[in-house]
């Protein structure tokens, strides 16, 4: 037996996952896993919705680049 989940609920869940990710509370890998999609698909959603990387990740990337 398969249960169909209404689009409103899917969208609300997606928005909650995106919020957790943007706050740095979950990783991209974990977010993708929770959504049942690949990490590449998750990054595509971030790009489509113009959602920035979490501040912690941005800081980490900038530090690494400065060390090069």
Foldseek 3Di string as FASTA:
>chain_A
DDDDDDPVVLVVLLVVLLVCQQQVNDDLCVSCVVNVHHSVVSVVVCVVVVRDGHPVVVVVVVVVVVVD
